[in-house]
Amino acid sequence: MSIETWLAFFVACWVISLSPGAGAIASMSSGLNYGFARGYWTALGLQVGLLLQIAVVAAGVGALLATSALAFNLIKWFGVLYLLYLGWRQWHAQPVAMDQEVAVRPIGQPLALVFRGFLVNVSNPKAVIFILAVLPQFLDLNQPLLKQYGVMALTMIAVDLVVMAGYTGLAAKVLRLLRSPQQQKLMNRTFAGLFAGAAALLTLVRRANV
């Protein structure tokens, strides 16, 4: 892969990562609920899911997903249900007690947050097909493909880690401003609505539109 091609891919990664989606919502939700240091584990889980998606595309399985209605719909509806579940959890989240400087946050187990982020990414079939459509455009078929997929994976993950750090940190900062239970309840229900909205958008995804 030439430096010019990599730079074009690098720019594309920023555009893709900055586009608001279920991953950004999950990162902000974790930042809001657990603060940056704990909530960032969700972003790490997103990258595990992204790495699996790239591996699926590199192995050629993504082409099967693009042509199999059953596989596509199974993954899609799992994603819809999981996003609705996350919305339900956020809707029923309890306000946390505040002292003058520090929010006393509920404890989120790192592995559970990693798994949560992983499920958010892998349960979106359109993401796999999107990667299937985008990555080959930057491949040099005269060069070893595995090395190029590795460079692309590292680039996408590095960019997404930076972007999700921003989303997580932004939400963690917002938490400091939420002094009353009413404010926290409103914010929790706002994020619940965002999860539900992401689920609704996922129901509209069709293979023919990809």
N, C-alpha and C. Protein backbone atom coordinates (compact mmCIF):
# COMPACT_ATOMS: atom_id res chain seq x y z
N MET A 1 0.85 -1.20 0.00
CA MET A 1 0.00 0.00 0.00
C MET A 1 0.89 1.25 0.00
N SER A 2 0.68 2.14 -0.96
CA SER A 2 1.47 3.36 -1.05
C SER A 2 1.06 4.33 0.05
N ILE A 3 1.91 5.30 0.34
CA ILE A 3 1.61 6.28 1.37
C ILE A 3 0.40 7.12 0.96
N GLU A 4 0.26 7.38 -0.34
CA GLU A 4 -0.88 8.17 -0.80
C GLU A 4 -2.19 7.42 -0.55
N THR A 5 -2.19 6.12 -0.83
CA THR A 5 -3.39 5.31 -0.60
C THR A 5 -3.70 5.24 0.88
N TRP A 6 -2.66 5.07 1.69
CA TRP A 6 -2.88 5.00 3.14
C TRP A 6 -3.45 6.30 3.68
N LEU A 7 -2.95 7.43 3.20
CA LEU A 7 -3.46 8.72 3.67
C LEU A 7 -4.94 8.89 3.30
N ALA A 8 -5.31 8.45 2.11
CA ALA A 8 -6.71 8.52 1.70
C ALA A 8 -7.57 7.64 2.61
N PHE A 9 -7.06 6.45 2.93
CA PHE A 9 -7.77 5.55 3.83
C PHE A 9 -7.85 6.14 5.24
N PHE A 10 -6.78 6.79 5.68
CA PHE A 10 -6.73 7.41 7.00
C PHE A 10 -7.82 8.47 7.13
N VAL A 11 -7.97 9.29 6.11
CA VAL A 11 -9.01 10.32 6.11
C VAL A 11 -10.40 9.67 6.13
N ALA A 12 -10.56 8.62 5.33
CA ALA A 12 -11.85 7.92 5.30
C ALA A 12 -12.18 7.34 6.68
N CYS A 13 -11.18 6.85 7.39
CA CYS A 13 -11.40 6.29 8.73
C CYS A 13 -11.95 7.34 9.69
N TRP A 14 -11.43 8.55 9.60
CA TRP A 14 -11.92 9.62 10.47
C TRP A 14 -13.37 9.95 10.16
N VAL A 15 -13.69 10.02 8.89
CA VAL A 15 -15.08 10.32 8.50
C VAL A 15 -16.01 9.24 9.00
N ILE A 16 -15.61 7.98 8.82
CA ILE A 16 -16.44 6.85 9.24
C ILE A 16 -16.61 6.84 10.76
N SER A 17 -15.52 7.02 11.47
CA SER A 17 -15.55 6.91 12.92
C SER A 17 -16.31 8.06 13.57
N LEU A 18 -16.18 9.26 13.02
CA LEU A 18 -16.86 10.42 13.60
C LEU A 18 -18.36 10.41 13.35
N SER A 19 -18.81 9.64 12.37
CA SER A 19 -20.24 9.57 12.08
C SER A 19 -20.96 8.95 13.27
N PRO A 20 -21.93 9.66 13.86
CA PRO A 20 -22.63 9.12 15.03
C PRO A 20 -23.33 7.80 14.71
N GLY A 21 -23.21 6.84 15.59
CA GLY A 21 -23.85 5.54 15.42
C GLY A 21 -23.98 4.85 16.75
N ALA A 22 -24.33 3.57 16.69
CA ALA A 22 -24.54 2.82 17.93
C ALA A 22 -23.29 2.77 18.79
N GLY A 23 -22.10 2.68 18.15
CA GLY A 23 -20.86 2.64 18.91
C GLY A 23 -20.63 3.93 19.68
N ALA A 24 -20.88 5.07 19.04
CA ALA A 24 -20.73 6.36 19.72
C ALA A 24 -21.72 6.49 20.88
N ILE A 25 -22.95 6.03 20.66
CA ILE A 25 -23.96 6.09 21.71
C ILE A 25 -23.55 5.22 22.89
N ALA A 26 -23.05 4.01 22.60
CA ALA A 26 -22.62 3.11 23.66
C ALA A 26 -21.44 3.71 24.44
N SER A 27 -20.51 4.34 23.74
CA SER A 27 -19.36 4.96 24.41
C SER A 27 -19.81 6.11 25.31
N MET A 28 -20.71 6.95 24.81
CA MET A 28 -21.19 8.07 25.61
C MET A 28 -21.99 7.57 26.81
N SER A 29 -22.78 6.54 26.60
CA SER A 29 -23.56 5.97 27.70
C SER A 29 -22.64 5.46 28.80
N SER A 30 -21.57 4.77 28.43
CA SER A 30 -20.63 4.26 29.42
C SER A 30 -19.90 5.39 30.13
N GLY A 31 -19.51 6.43 29.38
CA GLY A 31 -18.87 7.58 29.99
C GLY A 31 -19.79 8.27 30.98
N LEU A 32 -21.06 8.36 30.63
CA LEU A 32 -22.05 8.99 31.50
C LEU A 32 -22.24 8.18 32.78
N ASN A 33 -22.31 6.87 32.65
CA ASN A 33 -22.62 6.02 33.80
C ASN A 33 -21.43 5.71 34.68
N TYR A 34 -20.22 5.60 34.09
CA TYR A 34 -19.08 5.11 34.84
C TYR A 34 -17.88 6.06 34.87
N GLY A 35 -17.96 7.18 34.15
CA GLY A 35 -16.79 8.03 34.05
C GLY A 35 -15.86 7.54 32.95
N PHE A 36 -14.82 8.32 32.68
CA PHE A 36 -13.96 8.00 31.53
C PHE A 36 -13.15 6.72 31.73
N ALA A 37 -12.42 6.63 32.85
CA ALA A 37 -11.49 5.51 33.03
C ALA A 37 -12.20 4.17 32.96
N ARG A 38 -13.36 4.06 33.59
CA ARG A 38 -14.10 2.80 33.58
C ARG A 38 -14.89 2.65 32.28
N GLY A 39 -15.52 3.73 31.84
CA GLY A 39 -16.37 3.64 30.65
C GLY A 39 -15.63 3.36 29.37
N TYR A 40 -14.32 3.68 29.34
CA TYR A 40 -13.55 3.48 28.10
C TYR A 40 -13.38 2.01 27.75
N TRP A 41 -13.63 1.11 28.71
CA TRP A 41 -13.59 -0.31 28.40
C TRP A 41 -14.59 -0.67 27.31
N THR A 42 -15.70 0.05 27.25
CA THR A 42 -16.68 -0.20 26.19
C THR A 42 -16.07 0.07 24.82
N ALA A 43 -15.29 1.15 24.73
CA ALA A 43 -14.63 1.48 23.45
C ALA A 43 -13.64 0.38 23.05
N LEU A 44 -12.96 -0.21 24.03
CA LEU A 44 -12.05 -1.31 23.72
C LEU A 44 -12.82 -2.50 23.17
N GLY A 45 -13.99 -2.76 23.73
CA GLY A 45 -14.84 -3.84 23.21
C GLY A 45 -15.29 -3.57 21.79
N LEU A 46 -15.58 -2.30 21.49
CA LEU A 46 -15.95 -1.94 20.12
C LEU A 46 -14.83 -2.31 19.15
N GLN A 47 -13.59 -2.12 19.58
CA GLN A 47 -12.46 -2.42 18.69
C GLN A 47 -12.29 -3.92 18.48
N VAL A 48 -12.59 -4.71 19.52
CA VAL A 48 -12.55 -6.16 19.34
C VAL A 48 -13.58 -6.58 18.30
N GLY A 49 -14.77 -5.99 18.38
CA GLY A 49 -15.80 -6.27 17.38
C GLY A 49 -15.39 -5.82 16.00
N LEU A 50 -14.76 -4.64 15.91
CA LEU A 50 -14.30 -4.14 14.62
C LEU A 50 -13.23 -5.05 14.03
N LEU A 51 -12.32 -5.52 14.88
CA LEU A 51 -11.27 -6.42 14.40
C LEU A 51 -11.87 -7.71 13.86
N LEU A 52 -12.90 -8.23 14.53
CA LEU A 52 -13.56 -9.43 14.04
C LEU A 52 -14.24 -9.17 12.70
N GLN A 53 -14.87 -8.02 12.56
CA GLN A 53 -15.52 -7.68 11.29
C GLN A 53 -14.51 -7.61 10.15
N ILE A 54 -13.37 -7.00 10.41
CA ILE A 54 -12.34 -6.92 9.36
C ILE A 54 -11.82 -8.31 9.02
N ALA A 55 -11.65 -9.15 10.05
CA ALA A 55 -11.19 -10.52 9.80
C ALA A 55 -12.21 -11.29 8.97
N VAL A 56 -13.49 -11.07 9.24
CA VAL A 56 -14.55 -11.73 8.48
C VAL A 56 -14.48 -11.32 7.01
N VAL A 57 -14.27 -10.03 6.78
CA VAL A 57 -14.17 -9.54 5.40
C VAL A 57 -12.91 -10.10 4.73
N ALA A 58 -11.80 -10.07 5.45
CA ALA A 58 -10.55 -10.57 4.88
C ALA A 58 -10.63 -12.05 4.55
N ALA A 59 -11.40 -12.80 5.32
CA ALA A 59 -11.55 -14.24 5.08
C ALA A 59 -12.56 -14.55 3.99
N GLY A 60 -13.25 -13.53 3.52
CA GLY A 60 -14.23 -13.73 2.45
C GLY A 60 -15.62 -14.08 2.95
N VAL A 61 -15.79 -14.16 4.27
CA VAL A 61 -17.11 -14.50 4.81
C VAL A 61 -18.10 -13.35 4.62
N GLY A 62 -17.55 -12.12 4.55
CA GLY A 62 -18.41 -10.97 4.36
C GLY A 62 -19.23 -11.07 3.08
N ALA A 63 -18.66 -11.69 2.04
CA ALA A 63 -19.40 -11.86 0.79
C ALA A 63 -20.61 -12.76 0.99
N LEU A 64 -20.45 -13.79 1.85
CA LEU A 64 -21.57 -14.67 2.15
C LEU A 64 -22.67 -13.90 2.88
N LEU A 65 -22.27 -13.06 3.83
CA LEU A 65 -23.25 -12.27 4.57
C LEU A 65 -24.00 -11.32 3.64
N ALA A 66 -23.28 -10.81 2.64
CA ALA A 66 -23.90 -9.88 1.69
C ALA A 66 -24.93 -10.56 0.80
N THR A 67 -24.81 -11.87 0.63
CA THR A 67 -25.71 -12.58 -0.29
C THR A 67 -26.72 -13.47 0.43
N SER A 68 -26.53 -13.71 1.72
CA SER A 68 -27.43 -14.58 2.45
C SER A 68 -28.43 -13.76 3.26
N ALA A 69 -29.68 -13.80 2.84
CA ALA A 69 -30.73 -13.05 3.55
C ALA A 69 -30.89 -13.57 4.98
N LEU A 70 -30.80 -14.87 5.16
CA LEU A 70 -31.00 -15.45 6.49
C LEU A 70 -29.91 -14.98 7.45
N ALA A 71 -28.64 -15.09 7.04
CA ALA A 71 -27.54 -14.67 7.91
C ALA A 71 -27.63 -13.18 8.22
N PHE A 72 -27.93 -12.40 7.20
CA PHE A 72 -28.05 -10.96 7.38
C PHE A 72 -29.13 -10.62 8.39
N ASN A 73 -30.31 -11.22 8.23
CA ASN A 73 -31.44 -10.89 9.10
C ASN A 73 -31.25 -11.40 10.52
N LEU A 74 -30.62 -12.55 10.67
CA LEU A 74 -30.36 -13.05 12.02
C LEU A 74 -29.49 -12.09 12.81
N ILE A 75 -28.41 -11.62 12.17
CA ILE A 75 -27.52 -10.69 12.85
C ILE A 75 -28.22 -9.35 13.06
N LYS A 76 -28.97 -8.90 12.07
CA LYS A 76 -29.64 -7.60 12.18
C LYS A 76 -30.62 -7.59 13.35
N TRP A 77 -31.46 -8.60 13.46
CA TRP A 77 -32.47 -8.59 14.50
C TRP A 77 -31.89 -8.85 15.87
N PHE A 78 -30.79 -9.57 15.93
CA PHE A 78 -30.08 -9.68 17.20
C PHE A 78 -29.59 -8.28 17.63
N GLY A 79 -29.06 -7.54 16.68
CA GLY A 79 -28.60 -6.18 16.97
C GLY A 79 -29.72 -5.27 17.42
N VAL A 80 -30.87 -5.38 16.77
CA VAL A 80 -32.03 -4.57 17.16
C VAL A 80 -32.43 -4.87 18.60
N LEU A 81 -32.54 -6.15 18.92
CA LEU A 81 -32.96 -6.54 20.27
C LEU A 81 -31.93 -6.11 21.31
N TYR A 82 -30.65 -6.22 20.98
CA TYR A 82 -29.62 -5.84 21.95
C TYR A 82 -29.62 -4.34 22.19
N LEU A 83 -29.79 -3.54 21.14
CA LEU A 83 -29.85 -2.10 21.33
C LEU A 83 -31.08 -1.69 22.14
N LEU A 84 -32.20 -2.38 21.93
CA LEU A 84 -33.39 -2.11 22.73
C LEU A 84 -33.16 -2.48 24.19
N TYR A 85 -32.44 -3.57 24.41
CA TYR A 85 -32.11 -3.97 25.78
C TYR A 85 -31.25 -2.91 26.46
N LEU A 86 -30.24 -2.40 25.73
CA LEU A 86 -29.41 -1.35 26.30
C LEU A 86 -30.23 -0.10 26.60
N GLY A 87 -31.19 0.21 25.72
CA GLY A 87 -32.07 1.35 25.96
C GLY A 87 -32.92 1.14 27.20
N TRP A 88 -33.43 -0.07 27.38
CA TRP A 88 -34.23 -0.39 28.57
C TRP A 88 -33.40 -0.24 29.83
N ARG A 89 -32.15 -0.74 29.78
CA ARG A 89 -31.26 -0.62 30.94
C ARG A 89 -30.99 0.86 31.27
N GLN A 90 -30.76 1.65 30.22
CA GLN A 90 -30.47 3.06 30.44
C GLN A 90 -31.69 3.80 30.99
N TRP A 91 -32.86 3.45 30.49
CA TRP A 91 -34.12 4.08 30.94
C TRP A 91 -34.32 3.87 32.44
N HIS A 92 -33.97 2.67 32.90
CA HIS A 92 -34.21 2.32 34.31
C HIS A 92 -32.99 2.56 35.20
N ALA A 93 -31.92 3.16 34.64
CA ALA A 93 -30.73 3.45 35.46
C ALA A 93 -31.08 4.43 36.57
N GLN A 94 -30.57 4.17 37.76
CA GLN A 94 -30.86 5.01 38.91
C GLN A 94 -29.89 6.18 38.98
N PRO A 95 -30.37 7.37 39.36
CA PRO A 95 -29.45 8.50 39.58
C PRO A 95 -28.41 8.14 40.63
N VAL A 96 -27.21 8.71 40.49
CA VAL A 96 -26.14 8.44 41.44
C VAL A 96 -25.96 9.64 42.36
N ALA A 97 -25.53 9.38 43.58
CA ALA A 97 -25.33 10.45 44.55
C ALA A 97 -24.13 11.30 44.16
N MET A 98 -24.22 12.60 44.40
CA MET A 98 -23.14 13.53 44.07
C MET A 98 -22.64 14.20 45.35
N ASP A 99 -21.31 14.31 45.51
CA ASP A 99 -20.80 15.23 46.52
C ASP A 99 -20.41 16.52 45.80
N GLN A 100 -19.67 17.38 46.44
CA GLN A 100 -19.40 18.67 45.83
C GLN A 100 -18.45 18.59 44.64
N GLU A 101 -17.61 17.55 44.61
CA GLU A 101 -16.61 17.51 43.55
C GLU A 101 -16.67 16.25 42.71
N VAL A 102 -17.02 15.12 43.34
CA VAL A 102 -16.85 13.84 42.66
C VAL A 102 -18.17 13.11 42.59
N ALA A 103 -18.46 12.53 41.44
CA ALA A 103 -19.64 11.69 41.29
C ALA A 103 -19.32 10.31 41.83
N VAL A 104 -20.21 9.79 42.69
CA VAL A 104 -20.05 8.43 43.17
C VAL A 104 -20.73 7.52 42.16
N ARG A 105 -19.95 6.91 41.32
CA ARG A 105 -20.50 6.19 40.18
C ARG A 105 -20.67 4.72 40.49
N PRO A 106 -21.66 4.08 39.84
CA PRO A 106 -21.76 2.64 39.97
C PRO A 106 -20.55 1.97 39.33
N ILE A 107 -20.21 0.80 39.82
CA ILE A 107 -19.04 0.09 39.33
C ILE A 107 -19.41 -0.78 38.13
N GLY A 108 -18.74 -0.56 37.02
CA GLY A 108 -18.94 -1.40 35.85
C GLY A 108 -17.75 -2.34 35.72
N GLN A 109 -18.01 -3.62 35.63
CA GLN A 109 -16.92 -4.58 35.48
C GLN A 109 -16.29 -4.45 34.10
N PRO A 110 -14.95 -4.32 34.02
CA PRO A 110 -14.30 -4.10 32.72
C PRO A 110 -14.66 -5.14 31.66
N LEU A 111 -14.64 -6.42 32.01
CA LEU A 111 -14.93 -7.44 31.00
C LEU A 111 -16.37 -7.34 30.52
N ALA A 112 -17.28 -7.00 31.42
CA ALA A 112 -18.68 -6.84 31.01
C ALA A 112 -18.83 -5.67 30.05
N LEU A 113 -18.09 -4.58 30.29
CA LEU A 113 -18.16 -3.43 29.40
C LEU A 113 -17.50 -3.73 28.06
N VAL A 114 -16.40 -4.48 28.08
CA VAL A 114 -15.77 -4.90 26.83
C VAL A 114 -16.74 -5.75 26.01
N PHE A 115 -17.39 -6.68 26.67
CA PHE A 115 -18.34 -7.55 25.97
C PHE A 115 -19.51 -6.76 25.43
N ARG A 116 -19.94 -5.77 26.18
CA ARG A 116 -21.03 -4.91 25.71
C ARG A 116 -20.63 -4.19 24.42
N GLY A 117 -19.44 -3.58 24.42
CA GLY A 117 -18.99 -2.91 23.21
C GLY A 117 -18.82 -3.86 22.05
N PHE A 118 -18.29 -5.05 22.33
CA PHE A 118 -18.12 -6.07 21.29
C PHE A 118 -19.46 -6.42 20.65
N LEU A 119 -20.50 -6.64 21.46
CA LEU A 119 -21.81 -7.01 20.93
C LEU A 119 -22.42 -5.88 20.10
N VAL A 120 -22.22 -4.65 20.53
CA VAL A 120 -22.75 -3.51 19.77
C VAL A 120 -22.20 -3.51 18.35
N ASN A 121 -20.91 -3.76 18.20
CA ASN A 121 -20.31 -3.72 16.87
C ASN A 121 -20.62 -4.96 16.03
N VAL A 122 -20.51 -6.14 16.61
CA VAL A 122 -20.68 -7.35 15.80
C VAL A 122 -22.13 -7.61 15.44
N SER A 123 -23.07 -6.96 16.12
CA SER A 123 -24.48 -7.20 15.83
C SER A 123 -25.03 -6.26 14.76
N ASN A 124 -24.14 -5.60 14.05
CA ASN A 124 -24.56 -4.72 12.96
C ASN A 124 -24.05 -5.28 11.62
N PRO A 125 -24.90 -6.00 10.89
CA PRO A 125 -24.44 -6.62 9.64
C PRO A 125 -24.05 -5.60 8.58
N LYS A 126 -24.67 -4.43 8.63
CA LYS A 126 -24.34 -3.43 7.64
C LYS A 126 -22.89 -2.98 7.78
N ALA A 127 -22.36 -3.00 9.01
CA ALA A 127 -20.97 -2.62 9.22
C ALA A 127 -20.03 -3.56 8.49
N VAL A 128 -20.33 -4.87 8.54
CA VAL A 128 -19.50 -5.84 7.82
C VAL A 128 -19.56 -5.58 6.32
N ILE A 129 -20.75 -5.36 5.82
CA ILE A 129 -20.91 -5.15 4.38
C ILE A 129 -20.31 -3.81 3.95
N PHE A 130 -20.40 -2.82 4.85
CA PHE A 130 -19.77 -1.53 4.56
C PHE A 130 -18.25 -1.70 4.44
N ILE A 131 -17.68 -2.44 5.39
CA ILE A 131 -16.25 -2.72 5.33
C ILE A 131 -15.91 -3.50 4.07
N LEU A 132 -16.78 -4.44 3.72
CA LEU A 132 -16.58 -5.24 2.51
C LEU A 132 -16.57 -4.35 1.27
N ALA A 133 -17.37 -3.29 1.29
CA ALA A 133 -17.45 -2.40 0.13
C ALA A 133 -16.30 -1.39 0.09
N VAL A 134 -15.81 -0.97 1.27
CA VAL A 134 -14.83 0.11 1.33
C VAL A 134 -13.39 -0.40 1.26
N LEU A 135 -13.04 -1.39 2.05
CA LEU A 135 -11.65 -1.81 2.15
C LEU A 135 -11.03 -2.23 0.81
N PRO A 136 -11.74 -3.02 -0.02
CA PRO A 136 -11.12 -3.45 -1.28
C PRO A 136 -10.71 -2.30 -2.19
N GLN A 137 -11.35 -1.14 -2.03
CA GLN A 137 -11.00 -0.01 -2.88
C GLN A 137 -9.59 0.50 -2.61
N PHE A 138 -9.05 0.18 -1.45
CA PHE A 138 -7.73 0.66 -1.08
C PHE A 138 -6.66 -0.44 -1.18
N LEU A 139 -7.06 -1.60 -1.63
CA LEU A 139 -6.12 -2.72 -1.73
C LEU A 139 -5.33 -2.66 -3.04
N ASP A 140 -4.07 -3.00 -2.94
CA ASP A 140 -3.23 -3.20 -4.12
C ASP A 140 -3.14 -4.71 -4.34
N LEU A 141 -3.80 -5.20 -5.39
CA LEU A 141 -3.89 -6.63 -5.61
C LEU A 141 -2.55 -7.24 -6.01
N ASN A 142 -1.57 -6.40 -6.30
CA ASN A 142 -0.24 -6.90 -6.64
C ASN A 142 0.66 -7.07 -5.41
N GLN A 143 0.14 -6.67 -4.26
CA GLN A 143 0.89 -6.77 -3.02
C GLN A 143 0.21 -7.78 -2.09
N PRO A 144 0.94 -8.32 -1.10
CA PRO A 144 0.32 -9.28 -0.17
C PRO A 144 -0.90 -8.67 0.53
N LEU A 145 -2.03 -9.35 0.43
CA LEU A 145 -3.28 -8.80 0.96
C LEU A 145 -3.31 -8.83 2.48
N LEU A 146 -2.76 -9.87 3.09
CA LEU A 146 -2.83 -10.00 4.54
C LEU A 146 -2.16 -8.82 5.23
N LYS A 147 -1.01 -8.43 4.74
CA LYS A 147 -0.29 -7.28 5.32
C LYS A 147 -1.11 -6.01 5.17
N GLN A 148 -1.74 -5.83 4.02
CA GLN A 148 -2.54 -4.63 3.80
C GLN A 148 -3.76 -4.60 4.71
N TYR A 149 -4.42 -5.76 4.88
CA TYR A 149 -5.55 -5.81 5.81
C TYR A 149 -5.08 -5.50 7.23
N GLY A 150 -3.88 -5.95 7.58
CA GLY A 150 -3.35 -5.66 8.90
C GLY A 150 -3.13 -4.17 9.12
N VAL A 151 -2.56 -3.51 8.11
CA VAL A 151 -2.35 -2.06 8.19
C VAL A 151 -3.69 -1.34 8.30
N MET A 152 -4.67 -1.77 7.52
CA MET A 152 -5.99 -1.14 7.56
C MET A 152 -6.65 -1.33 8.93
N ALA A 153 -6.54 -2.54 9.46
CA ALA A 153 -7.14 -2.83 10.76
C ALA A 153 -6.52 -1.94 11.84
N LEU A 154 -5.19 -1.85 11.86
CA LEU A 154 -4.52 -1.02 12.86
C LEU A 154 -4.91 0.45 12.71
N THR A 155 -5.04 0.91 11.46
CA THR A 155 -5.41 2.30 11.22
C THR A 155 -6.82 2.57 11.71
N MET A 156 -7.77 1.71 11.34
CA MET A 156 -9.16 1.91 11.74
C MET A 156 -9.30 1.87 13.25
N ILE A 157 -8.63 0.93 13.89
CA ILE A 157 -8.75 0.79 15.35
C ILE A 157 -8.12 1.99 16.06
N ALA A 158 -6.95 2.44 15.59
CA ALA A 158 -6.29 3.58 16.22
C ALA A 158 -7.17 4.83 16.13
N VAL A 159 -7.74 5.08 14.96
CA VAL A 159 -8.60 6.25 14.77
C VAL A 159 -9.85 6.13 15.64
N ASP A 160 -10.46 4.95 15.65
CA ASP A 160 -11.70 4.77 16.41
C ASP A 160 -11.45 4.88 17.91
N LEU A 161 -10.30 4.42 18.38
CA LEU A 161 -9.97 4.57 19.80
C LEU A 161 -9.90 6.05 20.19
N VAL A 162 -9.32 6.88 19.33
CA VAL A 162 -9.23 8.31 19.61
C VAL A 162 -10.62 8.93 19.62
N VAL A 163 -11.44 8.60 18.61
CA VAL A 163 -12.77 9.18 18.51
C VAL A 163 -13.65 8.75 19.68
N MET A 164 -13.62 7.45 20.01
CA MET A 164 -14.45 6.97 21.11
C MET A 164 -13.97 7.51 22.46
N ALA A 165 -12.66 7.80 22.57
CA ALA A 165 -12.17 8.47 23.78
C ALA A 165 -12.81 9.84 23.91
N GLY A 166 -12.95 10.52 22.77
CA GLY A 166 -13.62 11.82 22.79
C GLY A 166 -15.07 11.72 23.21
N TYR A 167 -15.79 10.75 22.64
CA TYR A 167 -17.20 10.58 23.00
C TYR A 167 -17.35 10.19 24.48
N THR A 168 -16.50 9.27 24.94
CA THR A 168 -16.57 8.83 26.33
C THR A 168 -16.23 9.96 27.28
N GLY A 169 -15.16 10.68 26.97
CA GLY A 169 -14.74 11.79 27.82
C GLY A 169 -15.75 12.91 27.86
N LEU A 170 -16.37 13.20 26.72
CA LEU A 170 -17.39 14.24 26.67
C LEU A 170 -18.55 13.90 27.60
N ALA A 171 -19.01 12.65 27.53
CA ALA A 171 -20.12 12.24 28.38
C ALA A 171 -19.72 12.23 29.85
N ALA A 172 -18.47 11.84 30.14
CA ALA A 172 -18.00 11.84 31.53
C ALA A 172 -17.97 13.25 32.09
N LYS A 173 -17.61 14.23 31.26
CA LYS A 173 -17.62 15.62 31.70
C LYS A 173 -19.04 16.10 31.98
N VAL A 174 -19.97 15.66 31.16
CA VAL A 174 -21.38 16.02 31.36
C VAL A 174 -21.86 15.55 32.72
N LEU A 175 -21.37 14.38 33.15
CA LEU A 175 -21.80 13.82 34.43
C LEU A 175 -21.54 14.78 35.58
N ARG A 176 -20.47 15.55 35.53
CA ARG A 176 -20.15 16.50 36.59
C ARG A 176 -21.19 17.61 36.70
N LEU A 177 -21.91 17.85 35.61
CA LEU A 177 -22.90 18.92 35.62
C LEU A 177 -24.27 18.46 36.10
N LEU A 178 -24.43 17.15 36.23
CA LEU A 178 -25.75 16.61 36.59
C LEU A 178 -25.84 16.49 38.11
N ARG A 179 -26.28 17.54 38.75
CA ARG A 179 -26.30 17.57 40.21
C ARG A 179 -27.60 17.03 40.80
N SER A 180 -28.69 17.13 40.08
CA SER A 180 -29.96 16.70 40.65
C SER A 180 -30.40 15.37 40.04
N PRO A 181 -31.15 14.56 40.82
CA PRO A 181 -31.69 13.31 40.27
C PRO A 181 -32.55 13.53 39.03
N GLN A 182 -33.26 14.66 39.00
CA GLN A 182 -34.12 14.93 37.83
C GLN A 182 -33.28 15.13 36.57
N GLN A 183 -32.16 15.82 36.69
CA GLN A 183 -31.28 16.02 35.54
C GLN A 183 -30.70 14.69 35.07
N GLN A 184 -30.27 13.86 36.01
CA GLN A 184 -29.70 12.57 35.66
C GLN A 184 -30.75 11.67 35.00
N LYS A 185 -31.96 11.71 35.53
CA LYS A 185 -33.03 10.89 34.96
C LYS A 185 -33.32 11.32 33.53
N LEU A 186 -33.35 12.62 33.29
CA LEU A 186 -33.58 13.13 31.94
C LEU A 186 -32.48 12.68 30.99
N MET A 187 -31.23 12.75 31.46
CA MET A 187 -30.12 12.34 30.61
C MET A 187 -30.18 10.84 30.32
N ASN A 188 -30.46 10.04 31.35
CA ASN A 188 -30.56 8.59 31.15
C ASN A 188 -31.65 8.25 30.13
N ARG A 189 -32.76 8.94 30.22
CA ARG A 189 -33.86 8.64 29.29
C ARG A 189 -33.58 9.18 27.90
N THR A 190 -32.78 10.23 27.82
CA THR A 190 -32.35 10.71 26.50
C THR A 190 -31.49 9.65 25.81
N PHE A 191 -30.54 9.07 26.56
CA PHE A 191 -29.71 8.02 25.97
C PHE A 191 -30.52 6.77 25.67
N ALA A 192 -31.51 6.47 26.50
CA ALA A 192 -32.40 5.34 26.21
C ALA A 192 -33.10 5.56 24.87
N GLY A 193 -33.53 6.80 24.63
CA GLY A 193 -34.16 7.12 23.36
C GLY A 193 -33.20 7.00 22.19
N LEU A 194 -31.93 7.37 22.41
CA LEU A 194 -30.93 7.24 21.35
C LEU A 194 -30.68 5.77 21.00
N PHE A 195 -30.61 4.91 22.02
CA PHE A 195 -30.46 3.48 21.75
C PHE A 195 -31.66 2.95 20.97
N ALA A 196 -32.86 3.37 21.37
CA ALA A 196 -34.07 2.93 20.66
C ALA A 196 -34.07 3.44 19.22
N GLY A 197 -33.60 4.68 19.04
CA GLY A 197 -33.52 5.23 17.69
C GLY A 197 -32.54 4.47 16.82
N ALA A 198 -31.38 4.09 17.40
CA ALA A 198 -30.41 3.29 16.66
C ALA A 198 -30.99 1.94 16.28
N ALA A 199 -31.77 1.35 17.20
CA ALA A 199 -32.43 0.08 16.90
C ALA A 199 -33.44 0.23 15.77
N ALA A 200 -34.20 1.33 15.81
CA ALA A 200 -35.19 1.57 14.76
C ALA A 200 -34.52 1.74 13.40
N LEU A 201 -33.40 2.47 13.37
CA LEU A 201 -32.67 2.64 12.11
C LEU A 201 -32.15 1.31 11.59
N LEU A 202 -31.71 0.45 12.50
CA LEU A 202 -31.18 -0.85 12.09
C LEU A 202 -32.27 -1.72 11.46
N THR A 203 -33.52 -1.56 11.92
CA THR A 203 -34.61 -2.35 11.32
C THR A 203 -34.83 -1.98 9.86
N LEU A 204 -34.42 -0.76 9.47
CA LEU A 204 -34.64 -0.29 8.10
C LEU A 204 -33.56 -0.76 7.12
N VAL A 205 -32.49 -1.34 7.66
CA VAL A 205 -31.38 -1.78 6.81
C VAL A 205 -31.82 -2.96 5.97
N ARG A 206 -31.55 -2.91 4.68
CA ARG A 206 -31.85 -3.99 3.76
C ARG A 206 -30.58 -4.31 2.96
N ARG A 207 -30.40 -5.56 2.61
CA ARG A 207 -29.22 -5.93 1.82
C ARG A 207 -29.19 -5.20 0.50
N ALA A 208 -30.33 -4.95 -0.08
CA ALA A 208 -30.39 -4.32 -1.40
C ALA A 208 -29.88 -2.89 -1.36
N ASN A 209 -29.88 -2.29 -0.13
CA ASN A 209 -29.45 -0.90 -0.01
C ASN A 209 -27.99 -0.75 0.27
N VAL A 210 -27.30 -1.88 0.46
CA VAL A 210 -25.91 -1.81 0.86
C VAL A 210 -25.00 -1.77 -0.36
